[in-house]
Amino acid sequence: MSKEVKLTPEEKPLRSQLNEEYKNLNERLDVLVKEMQEREYEIDFQNAKVFNHLLKFLEKNAPWGHTTATGLIMLYSNLKQQKSVIKSLQDKWDGKVAVRAANVQIFWTMVTKMTGSGFYEARNFVELMAAIGESLSNAVQQVNIDNTELRETHAEVNRVESILSNPERYIDDVEVEAEVEKSLADEVDPVVEG
C-alpha cells in the first residue's frame, strides 16, 4: 500500500484550476469517443466467397453469451451493410471491408471462437483466416494504439475527480481570496489626513 504524500498549501492546486482541467478533459474525452465511434479499419477479405462464409457463420453459427450478444449484432449489422457495397461494385471490389473500431475487437473474438464440423467447414475457416488473419490482427493492434489516448484521458479524469472528491487535496478559491484580502488589509497603513 502506498503512503499518501502530504502536500504543503503552496503545492496544492486551486479548486477552480481543477474544475477547469476537469471540464477540458471531459471535452477531450467526448471528442476521442466520437472519433473512435466513427473510425473504421480495413479488413482484407480478398474475395466475396470468404466474406460470404464469414457472414453466414455470424448469422447462423456464431457462439454468443450475455456479454457478446450485442457485439455480435453490431458486427453482423456492420458487415451486412458492407454486403450491399460489395454487390454494387461487383467485379471492381478490391476485397476490403471497412469495419468500425468498436467492431474490430468483437470481430477478432468471434473469429477466434469459430468452431465447426467436418472437412468443408474446416476448409472454409482456414481460407477465412488465410485471407483476413493478417489485416484483422493489424486492425486489432491499431485499435489498441488508437485507444491509448482515450485510456490516458480517462485516467486523467479519474485523477482530477479523486482530488476534487477530497477537499484536503486542494485549496478552495474562497480561502485564497480571504487570505489575499487579509494580507492587503494588513499592508494598508490607515493614515488619516487631517
N, C-alpha and C. Protein backbone atom coordinates (compact mmCIF):
# COMPACT_ATOMS: atom_id res chain seq x y z
N MET A 1 0.84 -1.18 0.00
CA MET A 1 0.00 0.00 0.00
C MET A 1 0.88 1.24 0.00
N SER A 2 0.60 2.18 -0.89
CA SER A 2 1.43 3.37 -0.99
C SER A 2 1.00 4.39 0.06
N LYS A 3 1.99 5.08 0.56
CA LYS A 3 1.75 6.11 1.56
C LYS A 3 1.36 7.40 0.86
N GLU A 4 0.27 8.03 1.33
CA GLU A 4 -0.19 9.26 0.69
C GLU A 4 0.76 10.40 1.05
N VAL A 5 1.16 11.15 0.06
CA VAL A 5 2.08 12.27 0.25
C VAL A 5 1.27 13.49 0.68
N LYS A 6 1.72 14.12 1.74
CA LYS A 6 1.05 15.33 2.22
C LYS A 6 1.61 16.51 1.45
N LEU A 7 0.73 17.30 0.89
CA LEU A 7 1.13 18.48 0.13
C LEU A 7 1.08 19.71 1.01
N THR A 8 2.06 20.58 0.81
CA THR A 8 2.03 21.85 1.52
C THR A 8 0.99 22.73 0.83
N PRO A 9 0.49 23.75 1.48
CA PRO A 9 -0.50 24.62 0.86
C PRO A 9 -0.02 25.19 -0.49
N GLU A 10 1.28 25.47 -0.61
CA GLU A 10 1.81 26.02 -1.86
C GLU A 10 1.76 25.00 -2.99
N GLU A 11 1.77 23.70 -2.67
CA GLU A 11 1.79 22.64 -3.68
C GLU A 11 0.38 22.21 -4.10
N LYS A 12 -0.61 22.59 -3.32
CA LYS A 12 -1.99 22.17 -3.62
C LYS A 12 -2.56 23.03 -4.76
N PRO A 13 -3.29 22.38 -5.67
CA PRO A 13 -3.92 23.15 -6.75
C PRO A 13 -5.17 23.87 -6.24
N LEU A 14 -5.56 24.88 -6.97
CA LEU A 14 -6.80 25.59 -6.66
C LEU A 14 -7.98 24.80 -7.20
N ARG A 15 -9.09 24.86 -6.48
CA ARG A 15 -10.29 24.16 -6.94
C ARG A 15 -10.73 24.65 -8.32
N SER A 16 -10.63 25.95 -8.57
CA SER A 16 -11.04 26.49 -9.87
C SER A 16 -10.16 25.92 -10.99
N GLN A 17 -8.86 25.73 -10.72
CA GLN A 17 -7.97 25.14 -11.72
C GLN A 17 -8.35 23.68 -11.99
N LEU A 18 -8.67 22.96 -10.92
CA LEU A 18 -9.09 21.56 -11.07
C LEU A 18 -10.39 21.46 -11.85
N ASN A 19 -11.34 22.35 -11.55
CA ASN A 19 -12.62 22.34 -12.27
C ASN A 19 -12.41 22.62 -13.76
N GLU A 20 -11.53 23.57 -14.06
CA GLU A 20 -11.24 23.89 -15.47
C GLU A 20 -10.56 22.70 -16.16
N GLU A 21 -9.61 22.09 -15.48
CA GLU A 21 -8.93 20.91 -16.04
C GLU A 21 -9.93 19.77 -16.26
N TYR A 22 -10.81 19.56 -15.29
CA TYR A 22 -11.83 18.51 -15.40
C TYR A 22 -12.75 18.76 -16.60
N LYS A 23 -13.17 20.01 -16.78
CA LYS A 23 -14.04 20.37 -17.91
C LYS A 23 -13.30 20.12 -19.23
N ASN A 24 -12.05 20.55 -19.33
CA ASN A 24 -11.27 20.37 -20.56
C ASN A 24 -11.04 18.89 -20.86
N LEU A 25 -10.74 18.11 -19.84
CA LEU A 25 -10.51 16.67 -20.03
C LEU A 25 -11.79 15.98 -20.51
N ASN A 26 -12.92 16.34 -19.94
CA ASN A 26 -14.19 15.73 -20.37
C ASN A 26 -14.55 16.11 -21.79
N GLU A 27 -14.24 17.35 -22.17
CA GLU A 27 -14.48 17.76 -23.57
C GLU A 27 -13.58 16.95 -24.50
N ARG A 28 -12.32 16.77 -24.13
CA ARG A 28 -11.39 15.97 -24.94
C ARG A 28 -11.86 14.52 -25.03
N LEU A 29 -12.35 14.01 -23.91
CA LEU A 29 -12.86 12.64 -23.87
C LEU A 29 -14.04 12.47 -24.82
N ASP A 30 -14.94 13.43 -24.84
CA ASP A 30 -16.09 13.38 -25.76
C ASP A 30 -15.63 13.33 -27.21
N VAL A 31 -14.64 14.14 -27.56
CA VAL A 31 -14.10 14.17 -28.92
C VAL A 31 -13.46 12.82 -29.26
N LEU A 32 -12.67 12.28 -28.35
CA LEU A 32 -12.00 11.00 -28.60
C LEU A 32 -12.99 9.86 -28.77
N VAL A 33 -14.03 9.83 -27.93
CA VAL A 33 -15.05 8.78 -28.03
C VAL A 33 -15.77 8.88 -29.37
N LYS A 34 -16.12 10.10 -29.78
CA LYS A 34 -16.81 10.29 -31.06
C LYS A 34 -15.92 9.84 -32.21
N GLU A 35 -14.65 10.20 -32.16
CA GLU A 35 -13.70 9.79 -33.21
C GLU A 35 -13.61 8.27 -33.28
N MET A 36 -13.53 7.61 -32.12
CA MET A 36 -13.41 6.15 -32.12
C MET A 36 -14.69 5.49 -32.63
N GLN A 37 -15.84 6.09 -32.36
CA GLN A 37 -17.10 5.53 -32.85
C GLN A 37 -17.19 5.62 -34.36
N GLU A 38 -16.59 6.65 -34.93
CA GLU A 38 -16.67 6.87 -36.37
C GLU A 38 -15.52 6.23 -37.15
N ARG A 39 -14.40 5.96 -36.49
CA ARG A 39 -13.21 5.44 -37.15
C ARG A 39 -13.47 4.03 -37.68
N GLU A 40 -12.91 3.77 -38.86
CA GLU A 40 -13.05 2.45 -39.48
C GLU A 40 -11.67 1.91 -39.84
N TYR A 41 -11.59 0.60 -39.88
CA TYR A 41 -10.36 -0.11 -40.21
C TYR A 41 -10.65 -1.08 -41.34
N GLU A 42 -9.74 -1.18 -42.28
CA GLU A 42 -9.96 -2.06 -43.42
C GLU A 42 -9.52 -3.48 -43.11
N ILE A 43 -10.40 -4.41 -43.41
CA ILE A 43 -10.09 -5.83 -43.31
C ILE A 43 -10.11 -6.37 -44.74
N ASP A 44 -9.06 -7.06 -45.12
CA ASP A 44 -8.95 -7.58 -46.48
C ASP A 44 -9.48 -9.01 -46.54
N PHE A 45 -10.64 -9.17 -47.16
CA PHE A 45 -11.25 -10.49 -47.34
C PHE A 45 -10.75 -11.17 -48.62
N GLN A 46 -10.16 -10.41 -49.48
CA GLN A 46 -9.61 -10.87 -50.75
C GLN A 46 -10.66 -11.26 -51.78
N ASN A 47 -11.77 -11.88 -51.36
CA ASN A 47 -12.82 -12.22 -52.33
C ASN A 47 -14.17 -12.36 -51.62
N ALA A 48 -15.22 -12.30 -52.42
CA ALA A 48 -16.59 -12.33 -51.89
C ALA A 48 -16.93 -13.67 -51.26
N LYS A 49 -16.33 -14.75 -51.72
CA LYS A 49 -16.61 -16.09 -51.17
C LYS A 49 -16.25 -16.14 -49.69
N VAL A 50 -15.07 -15.64 -49.37
CA VAL A 50 -14.62 -15.62 -47.96
C VAL A 50 -15.53 -14.73 -47.13
N PHE A 51 -15.87 -13.56 -47.67
CA PHE A 51 -16.75 -12.64 -46.96
C PHE A 51 -18.10 -13.30 -46.68
N ASN A 52 -18.67 -13.95 -47.68
CA ASN A 52 -19.97 -14.59 -47.53
C ASN A 52 -19.94 -15.75 -46.53
N HIS A 53 -18.83 -16.50 -46.49
CA HIS A 53 -18.69 -17.57 -45.49
C HIS A 53 -18.72 -17.00 -44.08
N LEU A 54 -18.00 -15.90 -43.89
CA LEU A 54 -17.99 -15.28 -42.56
C LEU A 54 -19.38 -14.77 -42.20
N LEU A 55 -20.02 -14.07 -43.12
CA LEU A 55 -21.35 -13.53 -42.86
C LEU A 55 -22.33 -14.65 -42.50
N LYS A 56 -22.24 -15.77 -43.21
CA LYS A 56 -23.12 -16.91 -42.94
C LYS A 56 -22.82 -17.49 -41.55
N PHE A 57 -21.54 -17.59 -41.20
CA PHE A 57 -21.17 -18.10 -39.88
C PHE A 57 -21.74 -17.19 -38.79
N LEU A 58 -21.56 -15.87 -38.94
CA LEU A 58 -22.06 -14.94 -37.94
C LEU A 58 -23.58 -15.01 -37.83
N GLU A 59 -24.23 -15.17 -38.95
CA GLU A 59 -25.69 -15.22 -38.99
C GLU A 59 -26.25 -16.49 -38.35
N LYS A 60 -25.61 -17.62 -38.59
CA LYS A 60 -26.21 -18.90 -38.19
C LYS A 60 -25.47 -19.66 -37.09
N ASN A 61 -24.15 -19.51 -36.98
CA ASN A 61 -23.39 -20.41 -36.11
C ASN A 61 -22.51 -19.74 -35.06
N ALA A 62 -22.41 -18.43 -35.04
CA ALA A 62 -21.50 -17.76 -34.10
C ALA A 62 -21.96 -17.98 -32.66
N PRO A 63 -21.05 -18.47 -31.80
CA PRO A 63 -21.42 -18.62 -30.39
C PRO A 63 -21.54 -17.24 -29.74
N TRP A 64 -22.46 -17.09 -28.85
CA TRP A 64 -22.61 -15.84 -28.12
C TRP A 64 -23.10 -16.14 -26.71
N GLY A 65 -22.89 -15.19 -25.86
CA GLY A 65 -23.36 -15.27 -24.48
C GLY A 65 -23.90 -13.91 -24.08
N HIS A 66 -24.20 -13.77 -22.81
CA HIS A 66 -24.79 -12.50 -22.36
C HIS A 66 -23.83 -11.31 -22.55
N THR A 67 -22.53 -11.58 -22.60
CA THR A 67 -21.57 -10.48 -22.78
C THR A 67 -21.23 -10.23 -24.25
N THR A 68 -21.57 -11.14 -25.14
CA THR A 68 -21.18 -10.99 -26.55
C THR A 68 -22.35 -10.83 -27.51
N ALA A 69 -23.57 -10.99 -27.05
CA ALA A 69 -24.74 -10.92 -27.94
C ALA A 69 -24.84 -9.57 -28.65
N THR A 70 -24.72 -8.50 -27.91
CA THR A 70 -24.81 -7.16 -28.50
C THR A 70 -23.69 -6.94 -29.50
N GLY A 71 -22.49 -7.39 -29.16
CA GLY A 71 -21.35 -7.25 -30.06
C GLY A 71 -21.56 -8.00 -31.36
N LEU A 72 -22.11 -9.20 -31.27
CA LEU A 72 -22.40 -9.99 -32.48
C LEU A 72 -23.39 -9.25 -33.36
N ILE A 73 -24.41 -8.69 -32.77
CA ILE A 73 -25.41 -7.94 -33.53
C ILE A 73 -24.78 -6.73 -34.22
N MET A 74 -23.93 -5.99 -33.49
CA MET A 74 -23.26 -4.82 -34.08
C MET A 74 -22.36 -5.22 -35.24
N LEU A 75 -21.55 -6.27 -35.03
CA LEU A 75 -20.63 -6.72 -36.07
C LEU A 75 -21.39 -7.20 -37.30
N TYR A 76 -22.40 -8.01 -37.08
CA TYR A 76 -23.18 -8.54 -38.21
C TYR A 76 -23.82 -7.39 -38.99
N SER A 77 -24.38 -6.42 -38.29
CA SER A 77 -25.00 -5.27 -38.95
C SER A 77 -23.99 -4.49 -39.76
N ASN A 78 -22.81 -4.26 -39.18
CA ASN A 78 -21.73 -3.54 -39.87
C ASN A 78 -21.34 -4.27 -41.16
N LEU A 79 -21.16 -5.58 -41.08
CA LEU A 79 -20.77 -6.35 -42.26
C LEU A 79 -21.91 -6.47 -43.27
N LYS A 80 -23.12 -6.60 -42.77
CA LYS A 80 -24.28 -6.71 -43.66
C LYS A 80 -24.43 -5.42 -44.49
N GLN A 81 -24.17 -4.27 -43.88
CA GLN A 81 -24.20 -3.00 -44.62
C GLN A 81 -23.15 -3.02 -45.73
N GLN A 82 -22.01 -3.60 -45.46
CA GLN A 82 -20.94 -3.66 -46.45
C GLN A 82 -21.29 -4.58 -47.61
N LYS A 83 -22.15 -5.57 -47.35
CA LYS A 83 -22.53 -6.51 -48.41
C LYS A 83 -23.17 -5.78 -49.58
N SER A 84 -24.01 -4.80 -49.31
CA SER A 84 -24.65 -4.05 -50.40
C SER A 84 -23.61 -3.25 -51.19
N VAL A 85 -22.59 -2.73 -50.52
CA VAL A 85 -21.50 -2.02 -51.20
C VAL A 85 -20.76 -2.99 -52.11
N ILE A 86 -20.47 -4.19 -51.61
CA ILE A 86 -19.77 -5.21 -52.39
C ILE A 86 -20.58 -5.58 -53.63
N LYS A 87 -21.87 -5.77 -53.43
CA LYS A 87 -22.75 -6.13 -54.57
C LYS A 87 -22.75 -5.02 -55.62
N SER A 88 -22.80 -3.78 -55.19
CA SER A 88 -22.85 -2.67 -56.14
C SER A 88 -21.55 -2.54 -56.94
N LEU A 89 -20.43 -2.92 -56.32
CA LEU A 89 -19.14 -2.84 -57.01
C LEU A 89 -18.87 -4.05 -57.90
N GLN A 90 -19.45 -5.17 -57.55
CA GLN A 90 -19.29 -6.44 -58.25
C GLN A 90 -17.81 -6.75 -58.52
N ASP A 91 -17.39 -6.81 -59.77
CA ASP A 91 -16.02 -7.20 -60.11
C ASP A 91 -14.98 -6.13 -59.77
N LYS A 92 -15.42 -4.93 -59.45
CA LYS A 92 -14.49 -3.84 -59.13
C LYS A 92 -14.13 -3.81 -57.64
N TRP A 93 -14.74 -4.69 -56.85
CA TRP A 93 -14.47 -4.70 -55.41
C TRP A 93 -13.06 -5.21 -55.16
N ASP A 94 -12.31 -4.51 -54.31
CA ASP A 94 -10.91 -4.86 -54.03
C ASP A 94 -10.75 -5.85 -52.88
N GLY A 95 -11.85 -6.34 -52.31
CA GLY A 95 -11.79 -7.31 -51.23
C GLY A 95 -11.72 -6.70 -49.84
N LYS A 96 -11.64 -5.39 -49.76
CA LYS A 96 -11.50 -4.72 -48.47
C LYS A 96 -12.87 -4.27 -47.95
N VAL A 97 -13.05 -4.46 -46.64
CA VAL A 97 -14.29 -4.09 -45.98
C VAL A 97 -13.94 -3.18 -44.81
N ALA A 98 -14.67 -2.08 -44.69
CA ALA A 98 -14.48 -1.15 -43.58
C ALA A 98 -15.24 -1.64 -42.36
N VAL A 99 -14.52 -1.82 -41.27
CA VAL A 99 -15.12 -2.28 -40.02
C VAL A 99 -14.92 -1.19 -38.98
N ARG A 100 -16.00 -0.81 -38.31
CA ARG A 100 -15.91 0.23 -37.28
C ARG A 100 -15.03 -0.23 -36.13
N ALA A 101 -14.40 0.76 -35.50
CA ALA A 101 -13.46 0.48 -34.41
C ALA A 101 -14.07 -0.41 -33.33
N ALA A 102 -15.31 -0.12 -32.94
CA ALA A 102 -15.96 -0.90 -31.88
C ALA A 102 -16.14 -2.36 -32.29
N ASN A 103 -16.22 -2.61 -33.59
CA ASN A 103 -16.46 -3.98 -34.06
C ASN A 103 -15.18 -4.78 -34.30
N VAL A 104 -14.05 -4.12 -34.36
CA VAL A 104 -12.81 -4.84 -34.65
C VAL A 104 -12.51 -5.88 -33.58
N GLN A 105 -12.58 -5.48 -32.32
CA GLN A 105 -12.30 -6.43 -31.23
C GLN A 105 -13.35 -7.54 -31.19
N ILE A 106 -14.60 -7.18 -31.44
CA ILE A 106 -15.67 -8.17 -31.49
C ILE A 106 -15.40 -9.16 -32.62
N PHE A 107 -14.99 -8.63 -33.76
CA PHE A 107 -14.66 -9.46 -34.92
C PHE A 107 -13.57 -10.47 -34.55
N TRP A 108 -12.52 -9.98 -33.91
CA TRP A 108 -11.41 -10.85 -33.50
C TRP A 108 -11.91 -11.94 -32.56
N THR A 109 -12.71 -11.56 -31.59
CA THR A 109 -13.25 -12.52 -30.63
C THR A 109 -14.10 -13.58 -31.32
N MET A 110 -14.97 -13.15 -32.22
CA MET A 110 -15.85 -14.09 -32.93
C MET A 110 -15.05 -15.05 -33.81
N VAL A 111 -14.06 -14.54 -34.53
CA VAL A 111 -13.27 -15.38 -35.42
C VAL A 111 -12.46 -16.40 -34.62
N THR A 112 -11.91 -15.97 -33.49
CA THR A 112 -11.09 -16.91 -32.70
C THR A 112 -11.95 -17.92 -31.94
N LYS A 113 -13.26 -17.71 -31.89
CA LYS A 113 -14.15 -18.68 -31.24
C LYS A 113 -14.87 -19.57 -32.26
N MET A 114 -14.55 -19.38 -33.53
CA MET A 114 -15.23 -20.16 -34.56
C MET A 114 -14.94 -21.64 -34.38
N THR A 115 -16.00 -22.44 -34.49
CA THR A 115 -15.88 -23.90 -34.46
C THR A 115 -16.78 -24.44 -35.56
N GLY A 116 -16.60 -25.67 -35.88
CA GLY A 116 -17.43 -26.26 -36.91
C GLY A 116 -17.30 -27.77 -36.90
N SER A 117 -17.86 -28.38 -37.92
CA SER A 117 -17.82 -29.84 -38.04
C SER A 117 -17.46 -30.19 -39.48
N GLY A 118 -16.59 -31.12 -39.62
CA GLY A 118 -16.31 -31.67 -40.93
C GLY A 118 -15.29 -30.90 -41.75
N PHE A 119 -14.90 -31.54 -42.81
CA PHE A 119 -13.87 -31.05 -43.72
C PHE A 119 -14.21 -29.69 -44.33
N TYR A 120 -15.43 -29.53 -44.85
CA TYR A 120 -15.79 -28.31 -45.57
C TYR A 120 -15.79 -27.08 -44.67
N GLU A 121 -16.29 -27.24 -43.45
CA GLU A 121 -16.28 -26.11 -42.52
C GLU A 121 -14.85 -25.78 -42.10
N ALA A 122 -14.03 -26.81 -41.91
CA ALA A 122 -12.62 -26.58 -41.56
C ALA A 122 -11.91 -25.85 -42.70
N ARG A 123 -12.17 -26.28 -43.93
CA ARG A 123 -11.54 -25.64 -45.09
C ARG A 123 -11.98 -24.18 -45.19
N ASN A 124 -13.26 -23.91 -44.98
CA ASN A 124 -13.75 -22.53 -45.03
C ASN A 124 -13.08 -21.66 -43.97
N PHE A 125 -12.89 -22.24 -42.78
CA PHE A 125 -12.24 -21.50 -41.70
C PHE A 125 -10.79 -21.18 -42.06
N VAL A 126 -10.07 -22.15 -42.58
CA VAL A 126 -8.66 -21.95 -42.95
C VAL A 126 -8.57 -20.90 -44.05
N GLU A 127 -9.46 -20.94 -45.03
CA GLU A 127 -9.48 -19.93 -46.09
C GLU A 127 -9.75 -18.54 -45.52
N LEU A 128 -10.69 -18.47 -44.59
CA LEU A 128 -11.01 -17.19 -43.95
C LEU A 128 -9.79 -16.64 -43.23
N MET A 129 -9.17 -17.45 -42.41
CA MET A 129 -8.02 -16.98 -41.63
C MET A 129 -6.85 -16.62 -42.54
N ALA A 130 -6.66 -17.38 -43.60
CA ALA A 130 -5.59 -17.06 -44.55
C ALA A 130 -5.86 -15.71 -45.21
N ALA A 131 -7.11 -15.42 -45.48
CA ALA A 131 -7.47 -14.17 -46.16
C ALA A 131 -7.42 -12.98 -45.22
N ILE A 132 -8.04 -13.10 -44.05
CA ILE A 132 -8.22 -11.92 -43.18
C ILE A 132 -7.28 -11.87 -41.99
N GLY A 133 -6.61 -12.97 -41.68
CA GLY A 133 -5.82 -13.04 -40.45
C GLY A 133 -4.88 -11.88 -40.22
N GLU A 134 -4.06 -11.58 -41.21
CA GLU A 134 -3.07 -10.51 -41.04
C GLU A 134 -3.72 -9.14 -40.92
N SER A 135 -4.68 -8.83 -41.81
CA SER A 135 -5.29 -7.50 -41.77
C SER A 135 -6.14 -7.32 -40.50
N LEU A 136 -6.79 -8.39 -40.04
CA LEU A 136 -7.58 -8.30 -38.81
C LEU A 136 -6.66 -8.11 -37.60
N SER A 137 -5.58 -8.87 -37.57
CA SER A 137 -4.61 -8.74 -36.48
C SER A 137 -4.02 -7.32 -36.44
N ASN A 138 -3.68 -6.78 -37.62
CA ASN A 138 -3.16 -5.41 -37.70
C ASN A 138 -4.20 -4.40 -37.24
N ALA A 139 -5.46 -4.63 -37.59
CA ALA A 139 -6.54 -3.72 -37.17
C ALA A 139 -6.70 -3.74 -35.65
N VAL A 140 -6.65 -4.93 -35.05
CA VAL A 140 -6.76 -5.04 -33.59
C VAL A 140 -5.62 -4.27 -32.93
N GLN A 141 -4.40 -4.43 -33.44
CA GLN A 141 -3.25 -3.71 -32.88
C GLN A 141 -3.43 -2.20 -33.02
N GLN A 142 -3.92 -1.76 -34.17
CA GLN A 142 -4.09 -0.33 -34.41
C GLN A 142 -5.19 0.25 -33.51
N VAL A 143 -6.27 -0.51 -33.31
CA VAL A 143 -7.32 -0.05 -32.39
C VAL A 143 -6.74 0.14 -31.00
N ASN A 144 -5.93 -0.80 -30.55
CA ASN A 144 -5.31 -0.68 -29.22
C ASN A 144 -4.41 0.54 -29.13
N ILE A 145 -3.65 0.81 -30.19
CA ILE A 145 -2.80 2.00 -30.22
C ILE A 145 -3.67 3.26 -30.21
N ASP A 146 -4.70 3.26 -31.05
CA ASP A 146 -5.59 4.42 -31.15
C ASP A 146 -6.35 4.68 -29.85
N ASN A 147 -6.57 3.65 -29.07
CA ASN A 147 -7.29 3.80 -27.81
C ASN A 147 -6.40 4.29 -26.67
N THR A 148 -5.10 4.37 -26.91
CA THR A 148 -4.17 4.78 -25.85
C THR A 148 -4.53 6.16 -25.30
N GLU A 149 -4.72 7.14 -26.18
CA GLU A 149 -5.05 8.48 -25.71
C GLU A 149 -6.37 8.49 -24.96
N LEU A 150 -7.32 7.69 -25.41
CA LEU A 150 -8.62 7.59 -24.74
C LEU A 150 -8.43 7.05 -23.31
N ARG A 151 -7.66 5.98 -23.18
CA ARG A 151 -7.40 5.41 -21.85
C ARG A 151 -6.65 6.40 -20.95
N GLU A 152 -5.65 7.09 -21.52
CA GLU A 152 -4.89 8.06 -20.73
C GLU A 152 -5.76 9.22 -20.28
N THR A 153 -6.65 9.67 -21.14
CA THR A 153 -7.55 10.76 -20.78
C THR A 153 -8.53 10.32 -19.70
N HIS A 154 -9.03 9.09 -19.80
CA HIS A 154 -9.88 8.55 -18.73
C HIS A 154 -9.13 8.54 -17.40
N ALA A 155 -7.88 8.13 -17.43
CA ALA A 155 -7.07 8.09 -16.21
C ALA A 155 -6.90 9.49 -15.62
N GLU A 156 -6.69 10.49 -16.48
CA GLU A 156 -6.56 11.87 -16.00
C GLU A 156 -7.86 12.38 -15.40
N VAL A 157 -8.98 12.06 -16.03
CA VAL A 157 -10.29 12.45 -15.49
C VAL A 157 -10.46 11.84 -14.09
N ASN A 158 -10.12 10.56 -13.95
CA ASN A 158 -10.23 9.89 -12.65
C ASN A 158 -9.32 10.54 -11.61
N ARG A 159 -8.10 10.92 -12.04
CA ARG A 159 -7.16 11.57 -11.12
C ARG A 159 -7.74 12.88 -10.60
N VAL A 160 -8.27 13.71 -11.51
CA VAL A 160 -8.83 15.01 -11.11
C VAL A 160 -10.07 14.81 -10.25
N GLU A 161 -10.93 13.84 -10.61
CA GLU A 161 -12.11 13.55 -9.78
C GLU A 161 -11.70 13.15 -8.37
N SER A 162 -10.65 12.35 -8.27
CA SER A 162 -10.16 11.90 -6.97
C SER A 162 -9.72 13.09 -6.12
N ILE A 163 -9.02 14.02 -6.72
CA ILE A 163 -8.57 15.21 -5.98
C ILE A 163 -9.77 16.05 -5.57
N LEU A 164 -10.70 16.26 -6.50
CA LEU A 164 -11.87 17.08 -6.20
C LEU A 164 -12.78 16.46 -5.14
N SER A 165 -12.74 15.15 -5.02
CA SER A 165 -13.58 14.49 -4.02
C SER A 165 -12.98 14.53 -2.62
N ASN A 166 -11.77 15.06 -2.50
CA ASN A 166 -11.09 15.13 -1.21
C ASN A 166 -10.61 16.56 -0.98
N PRO A 167 -11.38 17.38 -0.25
CA PRO A 167 -11.04 18.79 -0.04
C PRO A 167 -9.67 19.04 0.60
N GLU A 168 -9.09 18.03 1.22
CA GLU A 168 -7.76 18.20 1.82
C GLU A 168 -6.66 18.23 0.75
N ARG A 169 -7.01 17.85 -0.49
CA ARG A 169 -6.00 17.76 -1.55
C ARG A 169 -5.98 18.99 -2.46
N TYR A 170 -6.84 19.98 -2.18
CA TYR A 170 -6.84 21.20 -2.98
C TYR A 170 -7.15 22.38 -2.09
N ILE A 171 -6.96 23.56 -2.64
CA ILE A 171 -7.26 24.79 -1.91
C ILE A 171 -8.51 25.39 -2.52
N ASP A 172 -9.44 25.71 -1.66
CA ASP A 172 -10.67 26.35 -2.11
C ASP A 172 -10.36 27.80 -2.47
N ASP A 173 -10.83 28.26 -3.60
CA ASP A 173 -10.56 29.62 -4.06
C ASP A 173 -11.03 30.66 -3.06
N VAL A 174 -12.10 30.39 -2.33
CA VAL A 174 -12.63 31.33 -1.34
C VAL A 174 -11.60 31.56 -0.24
N GLU A 175 -10.91 30.48 0.17
CA GLU A 175 -9.87 30.59 1.19
C GLU A 175 -8.73 31.48 0.69
N VAL A 176 -8.34 31.32 -0.55
CA VAL A 176 -7.25 32.11 -1.13
C VAL A 176 -7.65 33.58 -1.19
N GLU A 177 -8.87 33.84 -1.65
CA GLU A 177 -9.35 35.22 -1.73
C GLU A 177 -9.38 35.86 -0.34
N ALA A 178 -9.80 35.13 0.66
CA ALA A 178 -9.85 35.66 2.03
C ALA A 178 -8.44 35.99 2.53
N GLU A 179 -7.46 35.09 2.23
CA GLU A 179 -6.08 35.33 2.64
C GLU A 179 -5.51 36.56 1.95
N VAL A 180 -5.81 36.73 0.66
CA VAL A 180 -5.31 37.89 -0.09
C VAL A 180 -5.90 39.17 0.49
N GLU A 181 -7.20 39.15 0.77
CA GLU A 181 -7.85 40.34 1.33
C GLU A 181 -7.27 40.68 2.70
N LYS A 182 -7.03 39.65 3.52
CA LYS A 182 -6.45 39.87 4.85
C LYS A 182 -5.05 40.44 4.72
N SER A 183 -4.28 39.88 3.79
CA SER A 183 -2.91 40.33 3.58
C SER A 183 -2.89 41.79 3.13
N LEU A 184 -3.80 42.12 2.18
CA LEU A 184 -3.87 43.50 1.72
C LEU A 184 -4.29 44.44 2.84
N ALA A 185 -5.22 44.01 3.66
CA ALA A 185 -5.68 44.84 4.77
C ALA A 185 -4.56 45.08 5.77
N ASP A 186 -3.71 44.07 6.00
CA ASP A 186 -2.59 44.23 6.94
C ASP A 186 -1.53 45.18 6.39
N GLU A 187 -1.38 45.22 5.05
CA GLU A 187 -0.36 46.04 4.44
C GLU A 187 -0.77 47.50 4.32
N VAL A 188 -2.05 47.78 4.29
CA VAL A 188 -2.51 49.15 4.12
C VAL A 188 -2.34 49.89 5.44
N ASP A 189 -1.66 51.01 5.33
CA ASP A 189 -1.44 51.83 6.53
C ASP A 189 -2.57 52.84 6.61
N PRO A 190 -3.40 52.63 7.60
CA PRO A 190 -4.57 53.55 7.68
C PRO A 190 -4.17 54.93 8.22
N VAL A 191 -3.48 55.69 7.38
CA VAL A 191 -3.10 57.07 7.77
C VAL A 191 -4.29 57.98 7.43
N VAL A 192 -4.67 58.67 8.41
CA VAL A 192 -5.81 59.56 8.21
C VAL A 192 -5.26 60.99 8.13
N GLU A 193 -5.51 61.63 7.06
CA GLU A 193 -5.03 63.01 6.92
C GLU A 193 -6.05 63.95 7.56
N GLY A 194 -5.55 64.92 8.17
CA GLY A 194 -6.47 65.79 8.84
C GLY A 194 -6.18 67.23 8.76
